[in-house]
Amino acid sequence: MKDEELKEIFLGRILEMEWDNDYPDYKMMKMARKLQAEFDIVWLDYLKGNATYNEWEKALDSWLNVEMLA
């Protein structure tokens, strides 16, 4: 999958979310930041050919699911 296609998927998913930056507790905020950092690493690995699309999508889903819970 091309970089532009990944960006479209990423931006589409981000725009669909309702963002509320008030985290219920510190642990939830810390988990969201950790998963965001992990997603960034997986995206870079994918661009280098060291990760699969499924790994990219799983990392994105994990991060966004925690953001939606917050």
N, C-alpha and C. Protein backbone atom coordinates (compact mmCIF):
# COMPACT_ATOMS: atom_id res chain seq x y z
N MET A 1 0.85 -1.17 0.00
CA MET A 1 0.00 0.00 0.00
C MET A 1 0.89 1.24 0.00
N LYS A 2 0.51 2.24 -0.76
CA LYS A 2 1.32 3.44 -0.90
C LYS A 2 1.14 4.36 0.30
N ASP A 3 2.13 5.24 0.49
CA ASP A 3 2.12 6.19 1.60
C ASP A 3 0.89 7.08 1.55
N GLU A 4 0.48 7.52 0.37
CA GLU A 4 -0.69 8.40 0.25
C GLU A 4 -1.97 7.67 0.70
N GLU A 5 -2.06 6.38 0.37
CA GLU A 5 -3.23 5.59 0.78
C GLU A 5 -3.27 5.45 2.31
N LEU A 6 -2.10 5.22 2.91
CA LEU A 6 -2.04 5.13 4.37
C LEU A 6 -2.46 6.45 5.01
N LYS A 7 -2.00 7.55 4.45
CA LYS A 7 -2.38 8.86 4.99
C LYS A 7 -3.88 9.08 4.89
N GLU A 8 -4.49 8.67 3.79
CA GLU A 8 -5.93 8.82 3.63
C GLU A 8 -6.69 8.00 4.67
N ILE A 9 -6.25 6.77 4.89
CA ILE A 9 -6.89 5.92 5.89
C ILE A 9 -6.73 6.55 7.28
N PHE A 10 -5.51 6.95 7.59
CA PHE A 10 -5.21 7.55 8.89
C PHE A 10 -6.05 8.81 9.12
N LEU A 11 -6.03 9.71 8.17
CA LEU A 11 -6.77 10.97 8.34
C LEU A 11 -8.28 10.73 8.38
N GLY A 12 -8.77 9.78 7.60
CA GLY A 12 -10.18 9.46 7.63
C GLY A 12 -10.61 8.96 9.00
N ARG A 13 -9.81 8.07 9.58
CA ARG A 13 -10.13 7.53 10.90
C ARG A 13 -10.05 8.61 11.97
N ILE A 14 -9.06 9.49 11.87
CA ILE A 14 -8.89 10.57 12.85
C ILE A 14 -10.06 11.55 12.77
N LEU A 15 -10.47 11.89 11.57
CA LEU A 15 -11.56 12.85 11.41
C LEU A 15 -12.90 12.30 11.86
N GLU A 16 -13.07 10.97 11.83
CA GLU A 16 -14.32 10.35 12.27
C GLU A 16 -14.49 10.39 13.79
N MET A 17 -13.39 10.54 14.50
CA MET A 17 -13.44 10.47 15.96
C MET A 17 -13.91 11.79 16.56
N GLU A 18 -14.54 11.67 17.71
CA GLU A 18 -14.89 12.84 18.50
C GLU A 18 -13.81 12.98 19.55
N TRP A 19 -13.03 14.05 19.45
CA TRP A 19 -11.89 14.24 20.35
C TRP A 19 -12.32 15.01 21.59
N ASP A 20 -12.01 14.44 22.73
CA ASP A 20 -12.20 15.09 24.01
C ASP A 20 -10.90 14.88 24.76
N ASN A 21 -10.10 15.90 24.85
CA ASN A 21 -8.76 15.76 25.42
C ASN A 21 -8.74 15.71 26.95
N ASP A 22 -9.91 15.63 27.58
CA ASP A 22 -9.96 15.48 29.02
C ASP A 22 -9.96 14.00 29.37
N TYR A 23 -8.82 13.50 29.77
CA TYR A 23 -8.72 12.09 30.13
C TYR A 23 -9.27 11.88 31.53
N PRO A 24 -9.99 10.77 31.74
CA PRO A 24 -10.57 10.53 33.06
C PRO A 24 -9.52 10.35 34.15
N ASP A 25 -8.37 9.82 33.78
CA ASP A 25 -7.31 9.69 34.77
C ASP A 25 -5.95 9.67 34.08
N TYR A 26 -4.94 9.76 34.91
CA TYR A 26 -3.56 9.84 34.42
C TYR A 26 -3.15 8.57 33.68
N LYS A 27 -3.59 7.41 34.18
CA LYS A 27 -3.20 6.14 33.55
C LYS A 27 -3.74 6.03 32.13
N MET A 28 -4.95 6.51 31.92
CA MET A 28 -5.55 6.47 30.59
C MET A 28 -4.77 7.38 29.63
N MET A 29 -4.40 8.55 30.09
CA MET A 29 -3.62 9.47 29.27
C MET A 29 -2.27 8.87 28.92
N LYS A 30 -1.64 8.26 29.92
CA LYS A 30 -0.32 7.67 29.70
C LYS A 30 -0.40 6.51 28.69
N MET A 31 -1.46 5.70 28.78
CA MET A 31 -1.64 4.59 27.85
C MET A 31 -1.87 5.11 26.43
N ALA A 32 -2.67 6.16 26.30
CA ALA A 32 -2.93 6.72 24.97
C ALA A 32 -1.64 7.25 24.35
N ARG A 33 -0.83 7.93 25.13
CA ARG A 33 0.43 8.47 24.60
C ARG A 33 1.40 7.35 24.22
N LYS A 34 1.42 6.28 25.02
CA LYS A 34 2.28 5.13 24.73
C LYS A 34 1.87 4.47 23.41
N LEU A 35 0.56 4.26 23.25
CA LEU A 35 0.08 3.61 22.03
C LEU A 35 0.27 4.51 20.80
N GLN A 36 0.18 5.82 20.99
CA GLN A 36 0.44 6.73 19.88
C GLN A 36 1.91 6.63 19.46
N ALA A 37 2.81 6.57 20.43
CA ALA A 37 4.23 6.43 20.11
C ALA A 37 4.52 5.10 19.42
N GLU A 38 3.86 4.03 19.88
CA GLU A 38 4.03 2.73 19.24
C GLU A 38 3.52 2.75 17.81
N PHE A 39 2.39 3.43 17.59
CA PHE A 39 1.87 3.54 16.23
C PHE A 39 2.86 4.28 15.33
N ASP A 40 3.44 5.35 15.83
CA ASP A 40 4.42 6.10 15.04
C ASP A 40 5.59 5.21 14.63
N ILE A 41 6.05 4.38 15.55
CA ILE A 41 7.17 3.47 15.25
C ILE A 41 6.76 2.45 14.19
N VAL A 42 5.55 1.89 14.34
CA VAL A 42 5.08 0.89 13.37
C VAL A 42 4.92 1.53 11.99
N TRP A 43 4.42 2.77 11.94
CA TRP A 43 4.26 3.44 10.64
C TRP A 43 5.62 3.61 9.97
N LEU A 44 6.62 4.06 10.73
CA LEU A 44 7.95 4.22 10.15
C LEU A 44 8.52 2.87 9.71
N ASP A 45 8.29 1.83 10.52
CA ASP A 45 8.74 0.49 10.13
C ASP A 45 8.05 0.03 8.85
N TYR A 46 6.76 0.34 8.72
CA TYR A 46 6.03 -0.04 7.51
C TYR A 46 6.62 0.66 6.29
N LEU A 47 6.93 1.93 6.43
CA LEU A 47 7.50 2.68 5.30
C LEU A 47 8.87 2.13 4.90
N LYS A 48 9.59 1.58 5.87
CA LYS A 48 10.91 0.99 5.59
C LYS A 48 10.80 -0.45 5.11
N GLY A 49 9.59 -1.02 5.17
CA GLY A 49 9.39 -2.40 4.75
C GLY A 49 9.59 -3.41 5.86
N ASN A 50 9.68 -2.96 7.10
CA ASN A 50 9.92 -3.85 8.23
C ASN A 50 8.65 -4.24 8.98
N ALA A 51 7.50 -3.75 8.54
CA ALA A 51 6.22 -4.09 9.18
C ALA A 51 5.17 -4.30 8.09
N THR A 52 4.14 -5.05 8.43
CA THR A 52 3.08 -5.32 7.46
C THR A 52 1.94 -4.32 7.64
N TYR A 53 1.05 -4.32 6.66
CA TYR A 53 -0.13 -3.46 6.75
C TYR A 53 -0.99 -3.87 7.94
N ASN A 54 -1.09 -5.16 8.22
CA ASN A 54 -1.88 -5.63 9.36
C ASN A 54 -1.31 -5.11 10.68
N GLU A 55 0.00 -5.09 10.80
CA GLU A 55 0.62 -4.53 12.01
C GLU A 55 0.32 -3.05 12.13
N TRP A 56 0.37 -2.33 11.00
CA TRP A 56 0.07 -0.90 10.98
C TRP A 56 -1.36 -0.66 11.43
N GLU A 57 -2.30 -1.43 10.86
CA GLU A 57 -3.71 -1.26 11.18
C GLU A 57 -4.00 -1.63 12.64
N LYS A 58 -3.36 -2.68 13.14
CA LYS A 58 -3.55 -3.09 14.53
C LYS A 58 -3.06 -1.99 15.49
N ALA A 59 -1.91 -1.40 15.20
CA ALA A 59 -1.37 -0.34 16.05
C ALA A 59 -2.29 0.89 16.02
N LEU A 60 -2.81 1.22 14.84
CA LEU A 60 -3.73 2.35 14.72
C LEU A 60 -5.01 2.08 15.51
N ASP A 61 -5.57 0.89 15.36
CA ASP A 61 -6.80 0.52 16.07
C ASP A 61 -6.60 0.57 17.59
N SER A 62 -5.48 0.06 18.06
CA SER A 62 -5.21 0.06 19.50
C SER A 62 -5.17 1.48 20.04
N TRP A 63 -4.45 2.35 19.36
CA TRP A 63 -4.33 3.73 19.81
C TRP A 63 -5.68 4.44 19.78
N LEU A 64 -6.41 4.32 18.68
CA LEU A 64 -7.68 5.04 18.56
C LEU A 64 -8.74 4.49 19.51
N ASN A 65 -8.70 3.20 19.78
CA ASN A 65 -9.66 2.64 20.74
C ASN A 65 -9.47 3.23 22.13
N VAL A 66 -8.23 3.39 22.55
CA VAL A 66 -7.98 4.00 23.86
C VAL A 66 -8.40 5.46 23.85
N GLU A 67 -8.15 6.16 22.76
CA GLU A 67 -8.57 7.56 22.67
C GLU A 67 -10.08 7.68 22.76
N MET A 68 -10.80 6.73 22.19
CA MET A 68 -12.26 6.78 22.23
C MET A 68 -12.79 6.49 23.63
N LEU A 69 -12.08 5.69 24.40
CA LEU A 69 -12.49 5.39 25.76
C LEU A 69 -12.30 6.58 26.69
N ALA A 70 -11.31 7.38 26.35
CA ALA A 70 -10.98 8.53 27.21
C ALA A 70 -12.05 9.59 27.17
